[in-house]
Amino acid sequence: MRGSRKRGEVMIALGIDQSMEGVAGFAVIDLEANTILHTRIETYAQDRNKNLVDRTKRIPKNDIRWRCTRFAIIVQELIKTWVPDIVITELVRTYHQGYRDPVVVASLSAIYGALCLVVQKPIPIVSENTGTWQSAILHPRKGQDRKALSRAFVLKYYGLTVTEHEADAICMCRAYPILLNDHAVMNNKDCIRILV
């Protein structure tokens, strides 16, 4: 199946709803077949030792190195396992809470670092503006809870109950083909950025 890919065609997307403060959601989507291959939620639970995880305690928020290491390991595992053609994440904007916080900057660096360590060829990284991907997929009205809309979308179209972060990762991937065909969006760096 993977070998039948046409040149330049995106089939497998890794969506990342990054959050170093709370949890992070990951989703692997086959865009051509419109199927969810895998989802994962990272809660940053503390490892007590190599075999046990204490789910009641999280890695301290100020322990940037430990959180980013965990984040990078997960991204590497997902890339090695699923070999995505593209990575899709949210565009961090100045009005996002904690934008200047080194934790957020480090989380972005972890994505790029993980990609460099794992792959033979560069994987394009697409950063979508939150409002842009939500408009393309969710069509929210003023005042609606967009996290709830994401979860409802995944339940309706895939029959899956997932966390809000997994749902956002799924929806970002689903929005990409729609945004790719919107020339106004593709030419606006405030809506979408593509790094190769």
N, C-alpha and C. Protein backbone atom coordinates (compact mmCIF):
# COMPACT_ATOMS: atom_id res chain seq x y z
N MET A 1 0.83 -1.20 0.00
CA MET A 1 0.00 0.00 0.00
C MET A 1 0.87 1.25 0.00
N ARG A 2 1.88 1.31 0.91
CA ARG A 2 2.72 2.49 0.99
C ARG A 2 3.54 2.67 -0.29
N GLY A 3 3.90 1.55 -0.94
CA GLY A 3 4.71 1.64 -2.14
C GLY A 3 3.95 2.18 -3.33
N SER A 4 2.63 2.20 -3.28
CA SER A 4 1.84 2.68 -4.42
C SER A 4 1.66 4.19 -4.41
N ARG A 5 2.30 4.89 -3.49
CA ARG A 5 2.20 6.33 -3.36
C ARG A 5 2.72 7.04 -4.60
N LYS A 6 2.00 8.03 -5.07
CA LYS A 6 2.45 8.83 -6.20
C LYS A 6 3.45 9.86 -5.69
N ARG A 7 4.34 10.29 -6.56
CA ARG A 7 5.36 11.27 -6.19
C ARG A 7 4.70 12.55 -5.68
N GLY A 8 5.12 13.00 -4.50
CA GLY A 8 4.60 14.24 -3.93
C GLY A 8 3.27 14.11 -3.22
N GLU A 9 2.66 12.94 -3.27
CA GLU A 9 1.36 12.75 -2.66
C GLU A 9 1.51 12.48 -1.16
N VAL A 10 0.74 13.18 -0.36
CA VAL A 10 0.79 12.97 1.08
C VAL A 10 -0.23 11.91 1.44
N MET A 11 0.21 10.87 2.11
CA MET A 11 -0.72 9.83 2.55
C MET A 11 -0.76 9.75 4.07
N ILE A 12 0.37 9.61 4.71
CA ILE A 12 0.41 9.42 6.15
C ILE A 12 0.82 10.73 6.82
N ALA A 13 -0.03 11.22 7.73
CA ALA A 13 0.24 12.46 8.46
C ALA A 13 0.32 12.18 9.95
N LEU A 14 1.30 12.79 10.58
CA LEU A 14 1.42 12.75 12.04
C LEU A 14 0.97 14.10 12.56
N GLY A 15 -0.14 14.12 13.31
CA GLY A 15 -0.64 15.35 13.91
C GLY A 15 -0.20 15.44 15.35
N ILE A 16 0.24 16.63 15.74
CA ILE A 16 0.71 16.84 17.11
C ILE A 16 0.01 18.06 17.69
N ASP A 17 -0.76 17.84 18.75
CA ASP A 17 -1.33 18.95 19.52
C ASP A 17 -0.41 19.12 20.71
N GLN A 18 0.54 20.04 20.56
CA GLN A 18 1.62 20.16 21.54
C GLN A 18 1.19 20.99 22.75
N SER A 19 1.55 20.48 23.89
CA SER A 19 1.29 21.18 25.14
C SER A 19 2.27 20.65 26.16
N MET A 20 3.14 21.50 26.60
CA MET A 20 4.08 21.09 27.62
C MET A 20 3.50 21.36 29.01
N GLU A 21 2.49 22.18 29.09
CA GLU A 21 1.91 22.52 30.39
C GLU A 21 0.98 21.43 30.92
N GLY A 22 0.21 20.81 30.04
CA GLY A 22 -0.74 19.81 30.50
C GLY A 22 -0.46 18.46 29.89
N VAL A 23 -1.06 18.19 28.76
CA VAL A 23 -0.86 16.94 28.05
C VAL A 23 -0.65 17.25 26.57
N ALA A 24 -0.17 16.28 25.83
CA ALA A 24 0.00 16.43 24.39
C ALA A 24 -0.72 15.30 23.69
N GLY A 25 -1.36 15.62 22.57
CA GLY A 25 -2.07 14.61 21.80
C GLY A 25 -1.37 14.35 20.48
N PHE A 26 -1.38 13.09 20.07
CA PHE A 26 -0.75 12.68 18.82
C PHE A 26 -1.74 11.84 18.03
N ALA A 27 -1.72 11.97 16.71
CA ALA A 27 -2.57 11.14 15.86
C ALA A 27 -1.83 10.85 14.56
N VAL A 28 -1.97 9.62 14.08
CA VAL A 28 -1.42 9.23 12.79
C VAL A 28 -2.61 8.91 11.90
N ILE A 29 -2.69 9.62 10.77
CA ILE A 29 -3.83 9.53 9.88
C ILE A 29 -3.37 9.14 8.48
N ASP A 30 -4.08 8.21 7.85
CA ASP A 30 -3.89 7.95 6.43
C ASP A 30 -4.87 8.88 5.72
N LEU A 31 -4.35 9.96 5.15
CA LEU A 31 -5.21 10.97 4.53
C LEU A 31 -5.91 10.47 3.28
N GLU A 32 -5.26 9.59 2.55
CA GLU A 32 -5.88 9.07 1.33
C GLU A 32 -7.06 8.15 1.66
N ALA A 33 -6.88 7.27 2.61
CA ALA A 33 -7.93 6.32 3.00
C ALA A 33 -8.88 6.91 4.04
N ASN A 34 -8.52 8.09 4.58
CA ASN A 34 -9.31 8.76 5.61
C ASN A 34 -9.54 7.85 6.82
N THR A 35 -8.44 7.27 7.31
CA THR A 35 -8.53 6.40 8.47
C THR A 35 -7.52 6.84 9.54
N ILE A 36 -7.92 6.65 10.78
CA ILE A 36 -7.03 6.92 11.90
C ILE A 36 -6.25 5.64 12.17
N LEU A 37 -4.94 5.74 12.08
CA LEU A 37 -4.09 4.58 12.28
C LEU A 37 -3.68 4.43 13.75
N HIS A 38 -3.54 5.57 14.44
CA HIS A 38 -3.04 5.51 15.82
C HIS A 38 -3.29 6.85 16.50
N THR A 39 -3.61 6.81 17.79
CA THR A 39 -3.64 8.03 18.60
C THR A 39 -2.90 7.76 19.89
N ARG A 40 -2.44 8.84 20.49
CA ARG A 40 -1.71 8.71 21.75
C ARG A 40 -1.86 10.00 22.54
N ILE A 41 -1.96 9.86 23.84
CA ILE A 41 -2.00 11.01 24.73
C ILE A 41 -0.79 10.92 25.65
N GLU A 42 -0.11 12.02 25.84
CA GLU A 42 1.04 12.06 26.76
C GLU A 42 0.67 12.93 27.94
N THR A 43 0.67 12.34 29.13
CA THR A 43 0.30 13.06 30.35
C THR A 43 1.51 13.52 31.15
N TYR A 44 2.71 13.15 30.70
CA TYR A 44 3.94 13.48 31.41
C TYR A 44 3.95 12.90 32.83
N ALA A 45 3.45 11.66 32.96
CA ALA A 45 3.51 10.97 34.24
C ALA A 45 4.96 10.69 34.59
N GLN A 46 5.27 10.77 35.87
CA GLN A 46 6.64 10.54 36.31
C GLN A 46 6.99 9.07 36.27
N ASP A 47 8.18 8.79 35.76
CA ASP A 47 8.72 7.43 35.84
C ASP A 47 9.37 7.26 37.21
N ARG A 48 8.87 6.30 37.99
CA ARG A 48 9.51 6.04 39.29
C ARG A 48 10.77 5.21 39.09
N ASN A 49 10.72 4.30 38.17
CA ASN A 49 11.91 3.53 37.77
C ASN A 49 11.65 3.05 36.36
N LYS A 50 12.49 2.22 35.83
CA LYS A 50 12.36 1.84 34.42
C LYS A 50 11.13 0.99 34.12
N ASN A 51 10.52 0.39 35.13
CA ASN A 51 9.39 -0.50 34.87
C ASN A 51 8.04 0.03 35.32
N LEU A 52 8.04 1.01 36.22
CA LEU A 52 6.78 1.49 36.78
C LEU A 52 6.61 2.98 36.53
N VAL A 53 5.39 3.40 36.29
CA VAL A 53 5.08 4.81 36.12
C VAL A 53 4.05 5.19 37.16
N ASP A 54 4.32 6.28 37.89
CA ASP A 54 3.38 6.79 38.88
C ASP A 54 2.45 7.76 38.17
N ARG A 55 1.23 7.32 37.85
CA ARG A 55 0.29 8.13 37.09
C ARG A 55 -0.31 9.28 37.90
N THR A 56 -0.10 9.27 39.21
CA THR A 56 -0.65 10.34 40.04
C THR A 56 0.27 11.55 40.09
N LYS A 57 1.52 11.38 39.70
CA LYS A 57 2.47 12.49 39.71
C LYS A 57 2.95 12.77 38.30
N ARG A 58 3.07 14.05 37.99
CA ARG A 58 3.56 14.45 36.67
C ARG A 58 4.95 15.03 36.79
N ILE A 59 5.65 15.02 35.67
CA ILE A 59 6.95 15.68 35.61
C ILE A 59 6.71 17.15 35.94
N PRO A 60 7.49 17.74 36.82
CA PRO A 60 7.27 19.14 37.18
C PRO A 60 7.29 20.05 35.95
N LYS A 61 6.39 21.04 35.92
CA LYS A 61 6.29 21.94 34.77
C LYS A 61 7.58 22.70 34.50
N ASN A 62 8.35 22.94 35.55
CA ASN A 62 9.59 23.69 35.35
C ASN A 62 10.77 22.80 34.96
N ASP A 63 10.54 21.51 34.85
CA ASP A 63 11.61 20.60 34.43
C ASP A 63 11.55 20.45 32.90
N ILE A 64 12.04 21.48 32.25
CA ILE A 64 11.96 21.56 30.79
C ILE A 64 12.70 20.41 30.13
N ARG A 65 13.88 20.09 30.62
CA ARG A 65 14.69 19.04 30.01
C ARG A 65 13.96 17.70 30.02
N TRP A 66 13.38 17.32 31.16
CA TRP A 66 12.70 16.04 31.29
C TRP A 66 11.46 16.00 30.39
N ARG A 67 10.67 17.07 30.39
CA ARG A 67 9.47 17.10 29.56
C ARG A 67 9.82 17.05 28.07
N CYS A 68 10.81 17.83 27.67
CA CYS A 68 11.18 17.84 26.25
C CYS A 68 11.80 16.53 25.81
N THR A 69 12.55 15.91 26.70
CA THR A 69 13.11 14.60 26.38
C THR A 69 11.99 13.59 26.14
N ARG A 70 11.01 13.58 27.05
CA ARG A 70 9.86 12.66 26.89
C ARG A 70 9.14 12.95 25.58
N PHE A 71 8.89 14.22 25.29
CA PHE A 71 8.20 14.63 24.08
C PHE A 71 8.96 14.16 22.84
N ALA A 72 10.28 14.39 22.82
CA ALA A 72 11.11 14.00 21.67
C ALA A 72 11.13 12.49 21.48
N ILE A 73 11.18 11.74 22.57
CA ILE A 73 11.18 10.27 22.48
C ILE A 73 9.89 9.78 21.84
N ILE A 74 8.76 10.36 22.24
CA ILE A 74 7.47 9.96 21.68
C ILE A 74 7.42 10.27 20.19
N VAL A 75 7.85 11.48 19.80
CA VAL A 75 7.84 11.85 18.39
C VAL A 75 8.74 10.89 17.60
N GLN A 76 9.91 10.58 18.12
CA GLN A 76 10.81 9.64 17.43
C GLN A 76 10.16 8.27 17.27
N GLU A 77 9.53 7.77 18.33
CA GLU A 77 8.87 6.46 18.26
C GLU A 77 7.78 6.46 17.19
N LEU A 78 6.98 7.53 17.15
CA LEU A 78 5.90 7.60 16.17
C LEU A 78 6.43 7.67 14.75
N ILE A 79 7.50 8.42 14.55
CA ILE A 79 8.08 8.53 13.21
C ILE A 79 8.68 7.19 12.77
N LYS A 80 9.38 6.53 13.66
CA LYS A 80 9.98 5.23 13.32
C LYS A 80 8.90 4.19 13.01
N THR A 81 7.83 4.21 13.79
CA THR A 81 6.77 3.21 13.63
C THR A 81 5.91 3.47 12.40
N TRP A 82 5.51 4.73 12.18
CA TRP A 82 4.51 5.03 11.16
C TRP A 82 5.08 5.68 9.90
N VAL A 83 6.31 6.14 9.90
CA VAL A 83 6.98 6.77 8.76
C VAL A 83 6.05 7.77 8.06
N PRO A 84 5.70 8.86 8.73
CA PRO A 84 4.78 9.82 8.12
C PRO A 84 5.41 10.58 6.96
N ASP A 85 4.55 11.01 6.06
CA ASP A 85 4.99 11.83 4.93
C ASP A 85 5.02 13.30 5.30
N ILE A 86 4.31 13.65 6.37
CA ILE A 86 4.20 15.05 6.79
C ILE A 86 3.87 15.08 8.28
N VAL A 87 4.36 16.12 8.96
CA VAL A 87 4.03 16.35 10.36
C VAL A 87 3.21 17.64 10.41
N ILE A 88 2.09 17.59 11.10
CA ILE A 88 1.19 18.75 11.17
C ILE A 88 1.00 19.14 12.64
N THR A 89 1.21 20.41 12.92
CA THR A 89 1.07 20.92 14.27
C THR A 89 0.47 22.32 14.22
N GLU A 90 0.25 22.90 15.39
CA GLU A 90 -0.33 24.24 15.42
C GLU A 90 0.75 25.31 15.31
N LEU A 91 0.39 26.39 14.66
CA LEU A 91 1.25 27.55 14.53
C LEU A 91 1.21 28.31 15.85
N VAL A 92 2.35 28.43 16.51
CA VAL A 92 2.41 29.16 17.78
C VAL A 92 2.43 30.65 17.47
N ARG A 93 1.46 31.33 18.04
CA ARG A 93 1.31 32.78 17.80
C ARG A 93 1.62 33.54 19.09
N THR A 94 1.89 34.81 18.95
CA THR A 94 2.26 35.61 20.12
C THR A 94 1.14 35.70 21.14
N TYR A 95 -0.11 35.53 20.73
CA TYR A 95 -1.19 35.62 21.71
C TYR A 95 -1.46 34.30 22.42
N HIS A 96 -0.78 33.22 22.02
CA HIS A 96 -0.94 31.96 22.75
C HIS A 96 -0.32 32.12 24.14
N GLN A 97 -0.99 31.61 25.11
CA GLN A 97 -0.48 31.67 26.48
C GLN A 97 0.86 30.96 26.56
N GLY A 98 1.83 31.64 27.16
CA GLY A 98 3.14 31.02 27.35
C GLY A 98 4.03 31.03 26.12
N TYR A 99 3.70 31.83 25.09
CA TYR A 99 4.50 31.84 23.87
C TYR A 99 5.97 32.13 24.15
N ARG A 100 6.25 33.05 25.04
CA ARG A 100 7.63 33.41 25.32
C ARG A 100 8.27 32.47 26.35
N ASP A 101 7.48 31.57 26.86
CA ASP A 101 7.96 30.60 27.84
C ASP A 101 8.94 29.64 27.15
N PRO A 102 10.11 29.43 27.73
CA PRO A 102 11.07 28.52 27.09
C PRO A 102 10.57 27.10 26.93
N VAL A 103 9.58 26.70 27.72
CA VAL A 103 9.02 25.35 27.59
C VAL A 103 8.39 25.18 26.22
N VAL A 104 7.64 26.17 25.77
CA VAL A 104 6.98 26.08 24.46
C VAL A 104 8.02 26.07 23.35
N VAL A 105 8.98 26.95 23.44
CA VAL A 105 10.03 27.00 22.42
C VAL A 105 10.79 25.67 22.40
N ALA A 106 11.08 25.12 23.57
CA ALA A 106 11.80 23.85 23.64
C ALA A 106 10.97 22.71 23.05
N SER A 107 9.65 22.75 23.24
CA SER A 107 8.81 21.69 22.68
C SER A 107 8.86 21.70 21.16
N LEU A 108 8.86 22.89 20.58
CA LEU A 108 8.98 22.98 19.12
C LEU A 108 10.35 22.46 18.67
N SER A 109 11.37 22.82 19.39
CA SER A 109 12.71 22.34 19.05
C SER A 109 12.80 20.82 19.14
N ALA A 110 12.08 20.25 20.10
CA ALA A 110 12.09 18.79 20.24
C ALA A 110 11.52 18.11 19.01
N ILE A 111 10.47 18.69 18.43
CA ILE A 111 9.90 18.11 17.20
C ILE A 111 10.95 18.09 16.10
N TYR A 112 11.57 19.23 15.86
CA TYR A 112 12.54 19.32 14.78
C TYR A 112 13.75 18.43 15.06
N GLY A 113 14.21 18.43 16.30
CA GLY A 113 15.35 17.59 16.67
C GLY A 113 15.05 16.12 16.47
N ALA A 114 13.85 15.70 16.86
CA ALA A 114 13.47 14.30 16.70
C ALA A 114 13.43 13.92 15.23
N LEU A 115 12.93 14.80 14.39
CA LEU A 115 12.88 14.51 12.97
C LEU A 115 14.28 14.35 12.39
N CYS A 116 15.19 15.20 12.80
CA CYS A 116 16.55 15.13 12.27
C CYS A 116 17.25 13.84 12.67
N LEU A 117 16.95 13.32 13.84
CA LEU A 117 17.63 12.12 14.33
C LEU A 117 17.10 10.83 13.71
N VAL A 118 15.87 10.83 13.25
CA VAL A 118 15.22 9.58 12.89
C VAL A 118 15.18 9.32 11.40
N VAL A 119 15.07 10.33 10.58
CA VAL A 119 14.77 10.10 9.17
C VAL A 119 15.97 10.31 8.26
N GLN A 120 15.93 9.64 7.12
CA GLN A 120 16.97 9.78 6.12
C GLN A 120 16.75 11.02 5.25
N LYS A 121 15.49 11.36 5.03
CA LYS A 121 15.16 12.54 4.23
C LYS A 121 14.25 13.44 5.07
N PRO A 122 14.28 14.73 4.81
CA PRO A 122 13.46 15.65 5.61
C PRO A 122 11.97 15.38 5.43
N ILE A 123 11.24 15.52 6.50
CA ILE A 123 9.78 15.41 6.47
C ILE A 123 9.23 16.83 6.59
N PRO A 124 8.37 17.26 5.68
CA PRO A 124 7.80 18.60 5.80
C PRO A 124 7.01 18.74 7.11
N ILE A 125 7.17 19.90 7.74
CA ILE A 125 6.44 20.21 8.96
C ILE A 125 5.50 21.37 8.63
N VAL A 126 4.21 21.14 8.81
CA VAL A 126 3.20 22.15 8.53
C VAL A 126 2.67 22.68 9.86
N SER A 127 2.71 24.00 10.02
CA SER A 127 2.14 24.64 11.20
C SER A 127 0.89 25.38 10.76
N GLU A 128 -0.26 24.94 11.29
CA GLU A 128 -1.55 25.54 10.92
C GLU A 128 -2.01 26.48 12.03
N ASN A 129 -2.53 27.62 11.63
CA ASN A 129 -3.15 28.55 12.59
C ASN A 129 -4.36 27.85 13.20
N THR A 130 -4.50 27.96 14.50
CA THR A 130 -5.59 27.27 15.20
C THR A 130 -6.96 27.63 14.62
N GLY A 131 -7.23 28.92 14.49
CA GLY A 131 -8.53 29.35 13.96
C GLY A 131 -8.76 28.90 12.53
N THR A 132 -7.68 28.82 11.74
CA THR A 132 -7.80 28.41 10.33
C THR A 132 -8.21 26.96 10.22
N TRP A 133 -7.52 26.05 10.93
CA TRP A 133 -7.89 24.64 10.81
C TRP A 133 -9.25 24.37 11.45
N GLN A 134 -9.56 25.09 12.52
CA GLN A 134 -10.87 24.90 13.15
C GLN A 134 -12.00 25.34 12.22
N SER A 135 -11.80 26.46 11.50
CA SER A 135 -12.82 26.92 10.55
C SER A 135 -13.01 25.94 9.40
N ALA A 136 -11.91 25.36 8.93
CA ALA A 136 -11.97 24.44 7.79
C ALA A 136 -12.70 23.15 8.13
N ILE A 137 -12.58 22.67 9.37
CA ILE A 137 -13.13 21.38 9.75
C ILE A 137 -14.37 21.49 10.63
N LEU A 138 -14.30 22.35 11.63
CA LEU A 138 -15.35 22.37 12.66
C LEU A 138 -16.48 23.36 12.38
N HIS A 139 -16.20 24.40 11.61
CA HIS A 139 -17.18 25.45 11.31
C HIS A 139 -17.84 25.98 12.60
N PRO A 140 -17.02 26.43 13.55
CA PRO A 140 -17.58 26.84 14.84
C PRO A 140 -18.35 28.16 14.76
N ARG A 141 -19.35 28.27 15.62
CA ARG A 141 -20.06 29.54 15.79
C ARG A 141 -19.50 30.24 17.02
N LYS A 142 -19.72 31.51 17.09
CA LYS A 142 -19.21 32.30 18.20
C LYS A 142 -19.67 31.71 19.54
N GLY A 143 -18.71 31.54 20.43
CA GLY A 143 -19.01 31.06 21.77
C GLY A 143 -19.03 29.55 21.93
N GLN A 144 -18.91 28.80 20.83
CA GLN A 144 -18.92 27.34 20.94
C GLN A 144 -17.59 26.83 21.49
N ASP A 145 -17.64 25.78 22.26
CA ASP A 145 -16.46 25.14 22.82
C ASP A 145 -15.79 24.33 21.71
N ARG A 146 -14.66 24.83 21.23
CA ARG A 146 -14.01 24.21 20.08
C ARG A 146 -13.37 22.85 20.41
N LYS A 147 -12.96 22.67 21.65
CA LYS A 147 -12.44 21.36 22.05
C LYS A 147 -13.56 20.32 22.00
N ALA A 148 -14.74 20.71 22.47
CA ALA A 148 -15.89 19.80 22.42
C ALA A 148 -16.28 19.52 20.96
N LEU A 149 -16.19 20.53 20.10
CA LEU A 149 -16.49 20.33 18.68
C LEU A 149 -15.51 19.34 18.04
N SER A 150 -14.23 19.43 18.40
CA SER A 150 -13.23 18.49 17.87
C SER A 150 -13.56 17.06 18.26
N ARG A 151 -13.88 16.87 19.53
CA ARG A 151 -14.21 15.52 20.01
C ARG A 151 -15.48 15.01 19.34
N ALA A 152 -16.47 15.88 19.16
CA ALA A 152 -17.72 15.48 18.51
C ALA A 152 -17.47 15.12 17.04
N PHE A 153 -16.58 15.85 16.37
CA PHE A 153 -16.24 15.57 14.98
C PHE A 153 -15.65 14.17 14.85
N VAL A 154 -14.70 13.84 15.73
CA VAL A 154 -14.04 12.53 15.68
C VAL A 154 -15.05 11.42 16.00
N LEU A 155 -15.91 11.65 16.95
CA LEU A 155 -16.93 10.65 17.29
C LEU A 155 -17.89 10.44 16.11
N LYS A 156 -18.31 11.53 15.48
CA LYS A 156 -19.26 11.43 14.36
C LYS A 156 -18.66 10.74 13.13
N TYR A 157 -17.45 11.14 12.74
CA TYR A 157 -16.88 10.64 11.49
C TYR A 157 -16.06 9.35 11.64
N TYR A 158 -15.57 9.09 12.84
CA TYR A 158 -14.74 7.90 13.02
C TYR A 158 -15.30 6.92 14.06
N GLY A 159 -16.31 7.36 14.80
CA GLY A 159 -16.89 6.49 15.82
C GLY A 159 -15.97 6.25 17.01
N LEU A 160 -15.04 7.17 17.24
CA LEU A 160 -14.06 7.02 18.32
C LEU A 160 -14.26 8.10 19.38
N THR A 161 -14.12 7.70 20.62
CA THR A 161 -14.10 8.65 21.73
C THR A 161 -12.64 8.84 22.12
N VAL A 162 -12.16 10.06 21.96
CA VAL A 162 -10.77 10.38 22.25
C VAL A 162 -10.70 11.62 23.13
N THR A 163 -9.52 11.90 23.65
CA THR A 163 -9.33 13.11 24.44
C THR A 163 -9.36 14.33 23.52
N GLU A 164 -9.51 15.50 24.11
CA GLU A 164 -9.55 16.72 23.30
C GLU A 164 -8.24 16.96 22.56
N HIS A 165 -7.12 16.55 23.13
CA HIS A 165 -5.84 16.76 22.47
C HIS A 165 -5.64 15.78 21.30
N GLU A 166 -6.07 14.55 21.46
CA GLU A 166 -6.04 13.61 20.34
C GLU A 166 -6.99 14.08 19.24
N ALA A 167 -8.16 14.57 19.63
CA ALA A 167 -9.13 15.06 18.65
C ALA A 167 -8.57 16.24 17.86
N ASP A 168 -7.91 17.17 18.54
CA ASP A 168 -7.31 18.30 17.83
C ASP A 168 -6.23 17.84 16.86
N ALA A 169 -5.41 16.87 17.26
CA ALA A 169 -4.37 16.34 16.37
C ALA A 169 -4.99 15.71 15.13
N ILE A 170 -6.09 14.98 15.32
CA ILE A 170 -6.82 14.37 14.20
C ILE A 170 -7.38 15.44 13.28
N CYS A 171 -8.04 16.43 13.87
CA CYS A 171 -8.67 17.48 13.06
C CYS A 171 -7.67 18.33 12.30
N MET A 172 -6.49 18.59 12.90
CA MET A 172 -5.45 19.33 12.17
C MET A 172 -5.03 18.57 10.91
N CYS A 173 -4.90 17.25 11.04
CA CYS A 173 -4.54 16.43 9.87
C CYS A 173 -5.64 16.47 8.82
N ARG A 174 -6.87 16.32 9.26
CA ARG A 174 -8.01 16.33 8.32
C ARG A 174 -8.15 17.68 7.62
N ALA A 175 -7.76 18.77 8.29
CA ALA A 175 -7.87 20.10 7.69
C ALA A 175 -6.83 20.34 6.61
N TYR A 176 -5.70 19.67 6.70
CA TYR A 176 -4.60 19.96 5.79
C TYR A 176 -4.97 19.87 4.30
N PRO A 177 -5.60 18.79 3.83
CA PRO A 177 -5.96 18.75 2.40
C PRO A 177 -6.92 19.88 1.99
N ILE A 178 -7.79 20.28 2.90
CA ILE A 178 -8.72 21.38 2.61
C ILE A 178 -7.93 22.69 2.49
N LEU A 179 -7.03 22.92 3.43
CA LEU A 179 -6.23 24.15 3.42
C LEU A 179 -5.29 24.19 2.22
N LEU A 180 -4.79 23.03 1.84
CA LEU A 180 -3.87 22.93 0.71
C LEU A 180 -4.52 23.43 -0.58
N ASN A 181 -5.82 23.28 -0.71
CA ASN A 181 -6.55 23.72 -1.90
C ASN A 181 -7.08 25.14 -1.80
N ASP A 182 -6.82 25.82 -0.70
CA ASP A 182 -7.27 27.20 -0.51
C ASP A 182 -6.08 28.13 -0.73
N HIS A 183 -6.03 28.76 -1.90
CA HIS A 183 -4.88 29.58 -2.26
C HIS A 183 -4.71 30.78 -1.33
N ALA A 184 -5.79 31.35 -0.86
CA ALA A 184 -5.69 32.49 0.06
C ALA A 184 -5.02 32.08 1.35
N VAL A 185 -5.35 30.90 1.84
CA VAL A 185 -4.73 30.39 3.08
C VAL A 185 -3.27 30.05 2.83
N MET A 186 -2.99 29.35 1.75
CA MET A 186 -1.62 28.90 1.48
C MET A 186 -0.66 30.06 1.25
N ASN A 187 -1.17 31.20 0.83
CA ASN A 187 -0.31 32.37 0.60
C ASN A 187 -0.25 33.31 1.80
N ASN A 188 -0.86 32.93 2.91
CA ASN A 188 -0.90 33.77 4.10
C ASN A 188 -0.10 33.09 5.21
N LYS A 189 1.05 33.66 5.55
CA LYS A 189 1.94 33.07 6.56
C LYS A 189 1.32 33.09 7.96
N ASP A 190 0.27 33.91 8.15
CA ASP A 190 -0.42 33.91 9.43
C ASP A 190 -1.38 32.75 9.54
N CYS A 191 -1.69 32.07 8.43
CA CYS A 191 -2.61 30.93 8.43
C CYS A 191 -1.89 29.60 8.44
N ILE A 192 -0.80 29.51 7.69
CA ILE A 192 -0.11 28.23 7.56
C ILE A 192 1.35 28.47 7.19
N ARG A 193 2.22 27.64 7.74
CA ARG A 193 3.65 27.71 7.39
C ARG A 193 4.13 26.30 7.14
N ILE A 194 4.93 26.16 6.10
CA ILE A 194 5.46 24.84 5.75
C ILE A 194 6.98 24.92 5.78
N LEU A 195 7.57 24.05 6.58
CA LEU A 195 9.03 23.96 6.69
C LEU A 195 9.46 22.62 6.14
N VAL A 196 10.53 22.63 5.37
CA VAL A 196 11.05 21.36 4.84
C VAL A 196 12.49 21.22 5.27
